């Protein structure tokens, strides 16, 4: 009788190992799919920012904060050949060159750009 009990226990261990291996395979597949989705989302964000013109970007800010508040700087952006992708790299002196000396408008522009980067 002792011999039979030993055989039953061995079978139980084999089943447990089989289940563990199956779970590992499923987890690997799930992680691979997640990585693929993240790459697609990143590309979509980059495409939406690069296709956004400075004119449309400033017009959208005007819709949110009031007509002419941001589009009054449009010619300055065009004259300096600054597009939406350049905004992240602007220094204090660049903002002054664009005629945007106040902190409020600068921070609103930067916050609006961050919405596209999310």
C-alpha atoms as a PDB file:
ATOM      1  CA  UNK A   1       0.000   0.000   0.000  1.00  0.00           C
ATOM      2  CA  UNK A   2       2.819   2.399   0.713  1.00  0.00           C
ATOM      3  CA  UNK A   3       4.041   2.004  -2.866  1.00  0.00           C
ATOM      4  CA  UNK A   4       0.699   3.140  -4.314  1.00  0.00           C
ATOM      5  CA  UNK A   5       0.638   6.311  -2.255  1.00  0.00           C
ATOM      6  CA  UNK A   6       4.075   7.272  -3.522  1.00  0.00           C
ATOM      7  CA  UNK A   7       2.975   6.916  -7.143  1.00  0.00           C
ATOM      8  CA  UNK A   8      -0.067   9.129  -6.625  1.00  0.00           C
ATOM      9  CA  UNK A   9       2.039  11.900  -5.096  1.00  0.00           C
ATOM     10  CA  UNK A  10       4.462  11.807  -8.020  1.00  0.00           C
ATOM     11  CA  UNK A  11       1.597  12.255 -10.473  1.00  0.00           C
ATOM     12  CA  UNK A  12       0.323  15.258  -8.568  1.00  0.00           C
ATOM     13  CA  UNK A  13       3.721  16.960  -8.776  1.00  0.00           C
ATOM     14  CA  UNK A  14       3.878  16.441 -12.523  1.00  0.00           C
ATOM     15  CA  UNK A  15       0.510  18.124 -12.975  1.00  0.00           C
ATOM     16  CA  UNK A  16       1.610  21.106 -10.905  1.00  0.00           C
ATOM     17  CA  UNK A  17       4.697  21.558 -13.066  1.00  0.00           C
ATOM     18  CA  UNK A  18       2.657  21.409 -16.235  1.00  0.00           C
ATOM     19  CA  UNK A  19       0.356  24.169 -15.003  1.00  0.00           C
ATOM     20  CA  UNK A  20       3.284  26.366 -14.042  1.00  0.00           C
ATOM     21  CA  UNK A  21       4.848  26.069 -17.489  1.00  0.00           C
ATOM     22  CA  UNK A  22       1.546  26.951 -19.160  1.00  0.00           C
ATOM     23  CA  UNK A  23       1.192  30.078 -17.028  1.00  0.00           C
ATOM     24  CA  UNK A  24       4.703  31.202 -17.900  1.00  0.00           C
ATOM     25  CA  UNK A  25       4.005  30.947 -21.613  1.00  0.00           C
ATOM     26  CA  UNK A  26       0.811  32.983 -21.292  1.00  0.00           C
ATOM     27  CA  UNK A  27       2.583  35.748 -19.357  1.00  0.00           C
ATOM     28  CA  UNK A  28       5.271  36.031 -22.014  1.00  0.00           C
ATOM     29  CA  UNK A  29       2.685  36.496 -24.737  1.00  0.00           C
ATOM     30  CA  UNK A  30       0.880  39.181 -22.759  1.00  0.00           C
ATOM     31  CA  UNK A  31       4.076  41.195 -22.238  1.00  0.00           C
ATOM     32  CA  UNK A  32       4.933  41.044 -25.935  1.00  0.00           C
ATOM     33  CA  UNK A  33       1.529  42.420 -26.893  1.00  0.00           C
ATOM     34  CA  UNK A  34       1.838  45.275 -24.401  1.00  0.00           C
ATOM     35  CA  UNK A  35       5.169  46.375 -25.885  1.00  0.00           C
ATOM     36  CA  UNK A  36       3.709  46.451 -29.374  1.00  0.00           C
ATOM     37  CA  UNK A  37       0.801  48.642 -28.267  1.00  0.00           C
ATOM     38  CA  UNK A  38       3.127  51.121 -26.555  1.00  0.00           C
ATOM     39  CA  UNK A  39       5.171  51.562 -29.725  1.00  0.00           C
ATOM     40  CA  UNK A  40       2.058  52.288 -31.748  1.00  0.00           C
ATOM     41  CA  UNK A  41       0.856  54.891 -29.250  1.00  0.00           C
ATOM     42  CA  UNK A  42       4.251  56.638 -29.176  1.00  0.00           C
ATOM     43  CA  UNK A  43       4.305  56.881 -32.960  1.00  0.00           C
ATOM     44  CA  UNK A  44       0.779  58.286 -33.024  1.00  0.00           C
ATOM     45  CA  UNK A  45       1.708  61.016 -30.536  1.00  0.00           C
ATOM     46  CA  UNK A  46       4.830  61.993 -32.461  1.00  0.00           C
ATOM     47  CA  UNK A  47       2.865  62.170 -35.696  1.00  0.00           C
ATOM     48  CA  UNK A  48       0.152  64.360 -34.180  1.00  0.00           C
ATOM     49  CA  UNK A  49       2.667  66.902 -32.838  1.00  0.00           C
ATOM     50  CA  UNK A  50       4.770  67.032 -35.992  1.00  0.00           C
ATOM     51  CA  UNK A  51       1.692  67.579 -38.151  1.00  0.00           C
ATOM     52  CA  UNK A  52       0.384  70.375 -35.882  1.00  0.00           C
ATOM     53  CA  UNK A  53       1.156  73.802 -37.313  1.00  0.00           C
ATOM     54  CA  UNK A  54       2.126  76.688 -35.059  1.00  0.00           C
ATOM     55  CA  UNK A  55      -0.898  78.563 -36.398  1.00  0.00           C
ATOM     56  CA  UNK A  56      -3.337  75.805 -35.364  1.00  0.00           C
ATOM     57  CA  UNK A  57      -1.573  75.425 -32.009  1.00  0.00           C
ATOM     58  CA  UNK A  58      -1.938  79.145 -31.200  1.00  0.00           C
ATOM     59  CA  UNK A  59      -5.528  79.208 -32.495  1.00  0.00           C
ATOM     60  CA  UNK A  60      -6.397  76.335 -30.141  1.00  0.00           C
ATOM     61  CA  UNK A  61      -4.915  78.320 -27.244  1.00  0.00           C
ATOM     62  CA  UNK A  62      -7.024  81.330 -28.257  1.00  0.00           C
ATOM     63  CA  UNK A  63     -10.141  79.169 -28.174  1.00  0.00           C
ATOM     64  CA  UNK A  64      -9.298  78.177 -24.620  1.00  0.00           C
ATOM     65  CA  UNK A  65      -8.131  81.539 -23.227  1.00  0.00           C
ATOM     66  CA  UNK A  66      -9.639  84.191 -25.507  1.00  0.00           C
ATOM     67  CA  UNK A  67      -9.383  85.532 -29.054  1.00  0.00           C
ATOM     68  CA  UNK A  68      -6.077  87.077 -30.015  1.00  0.00           C
ATOM     69  CA  UNK A  69      -4.252  86.283 -26.787  1.00  0.00           C
ATOM     70  CA  UNK A  70      -1.843  83.852 -28.462  1.00  0.00           C
ATOM     71  CA  UNK A  71      -2.346  84.340 -32.194  1.00  0.00           C
ATOM     72  CA  UNK A  72      -0.948  87.875 -31.814  1.00  0.00           C
ATOM     73  CA  UNK A  73       2.459  86.147 -31.568  1.00  0.00           C
ATOM     74  CA  UNK A  74       1.956  84.109 -34.755  1.00  0.00           C
ATOM     75  CA  UNK A  75       3.977  86.405 -37.019  1.00  0.00           C
ATOM     76  CA  UNK A  76       6.854  86.373 -34.516  1.00  0.00           C
ATOM     77  CA  UNK A  77       6.898  82.552 -34.533  1.00  0.00           C
ATOM     78  CA  UNK A  78       6.827  82.527 -38.349  1.00  0.00           C
ATOM     79  CA  UNK A  79       9.514  85.222 -38.628  1.00  0.00           C
ATOM     80  CA  UNK A  80      11.823  83.205 -36.360  1.00  0.00           C
ATOM     81  CA  UNK A  81      10.844  79.948 -38.138  1.00  0.00           C
ATOM     82  CA  UNK A  82       9.730  78.362 -34.855  1.00  0.00           C
ATOM     83  CA  UNK A  83       7.312  75.438 -35.111  1.00  0.00           C
ATOM     84  CA  UNK A  84       5.537  73.470 -32.400  1.00  0.00           C
ATOM     85  CA  UNK A  85       8.390  70.972 -32.063  1.00  0.00           C
ATOM     86  CA  UNK A  86      10.815  73.832 -31.254  1.00  0.00           C
ATOM     87  CA  UNK A  87       8.861  75.081 -28.230  1.00  0.00           C
ATOM     88  CA  UNK A  88      10.401  72.526 -25.860  1.00  0.00           C
ATOM     89  CA  UNK A  89      13.869  73.890 -26.611  1.00  0.00           C
ATOM     90  CA  UNK A  90      13.181  77.617 -26.186  1.00  0.00           C
ATOM     91  CA  UNK A  91      15.348  79.531 -23.705  1.00  0.00           C
ATOM     92  CA  UNK A  92      14.380  82.722 -21.857  1.00  0.00           C
ATOM     93  CA  UNK A  93      16.044  84.873 -24.509  1.00  0.00           C
ATOM     94  CA  UNK A  94      14.118  83.021 -27.245  1.00  0.00           C
ATOM     95  CA  UNK A  95      10.804  83.778 -25.562  1.00  0.00           C
ATOM     96  CA  UNK A  96      11.756  87.466 -25.395  1.00  0.00           C
ATOM     97  CA  UNK A  97      12.696  87.424 -29.091  1.00  0.00           C
ATOM     98  CA  UNK A  98       9.221  86.017 -29.795  1.00  0.00           C
ATOM     99  CA  UNK A  99       7.714  88.914 -27.804  1.00  0.00           C
ATOM    100  CA  UNK A 100       6.452  86.656 -25.023  1.00  0.00           C
ATOM    101  CA  UNK A 101       7.999  88.249 -21.960  1.00  0.00           C
ATOM    102  CA  UNK A 102       5.336  87.370 -19.380  1.00  0.00           C
ATOM    103  CA  UNK A 103       5.474  84.080 -17.487  1.00  0.00           C
ATOM    104  CA  UNK A 104       1.728  83.359 -17.790  1.00  0.00           C
ATOM    105  CA  UNK A 105       1.558  83.042 -21.574  1.00  0.00           C
ATOM    106  CA  UNK A 106       4.798  81.028 -21.624  1.00  0.00           C
ATOM    107  CA  UNK A 107       3.526  78.536 -19.072  1.00  0.00           C
ATOM    108  CA  UNK A 108       0.186  78.177 -20.867  1.00  0.00           C
ATOM    109  CA  UNK A 109       1.987  77.412 -24.135  1.00  0.00           C
ATOM    110  CA  UNK A 110       4.229  74.850 -22.441  1.00  0.00           C
ATOM    111  CA  UNK A 111       1.276  73.202 -20.644  1.00  0.00           C
ATOM    112  CA  UNK A 112      -0.654  72.977 -23.913  1.00  0.00           C
ATOM    113  CA  UNK A 113       2.343  71.322 -25.580  1.00  0.00           C
ATOM    114  CA  UNK A 114       2.588  68.800 -22.730  1.00  0.00           C
ATOM    115  CA  UNK A 115      -0.987  67.696 -23.472  1.00  0.00           C
ATOM    116  CA  UNK A 116       0.159  66.537 -26.902  1.00  0.00           C
ATOM    117  CA  UNK A 117       3.155  64.735 -25.381  1.00  0.00           C
ATOM    118  CA  UNK A 118       0.999  62.537 -23.129  1.00  0.00           C
END
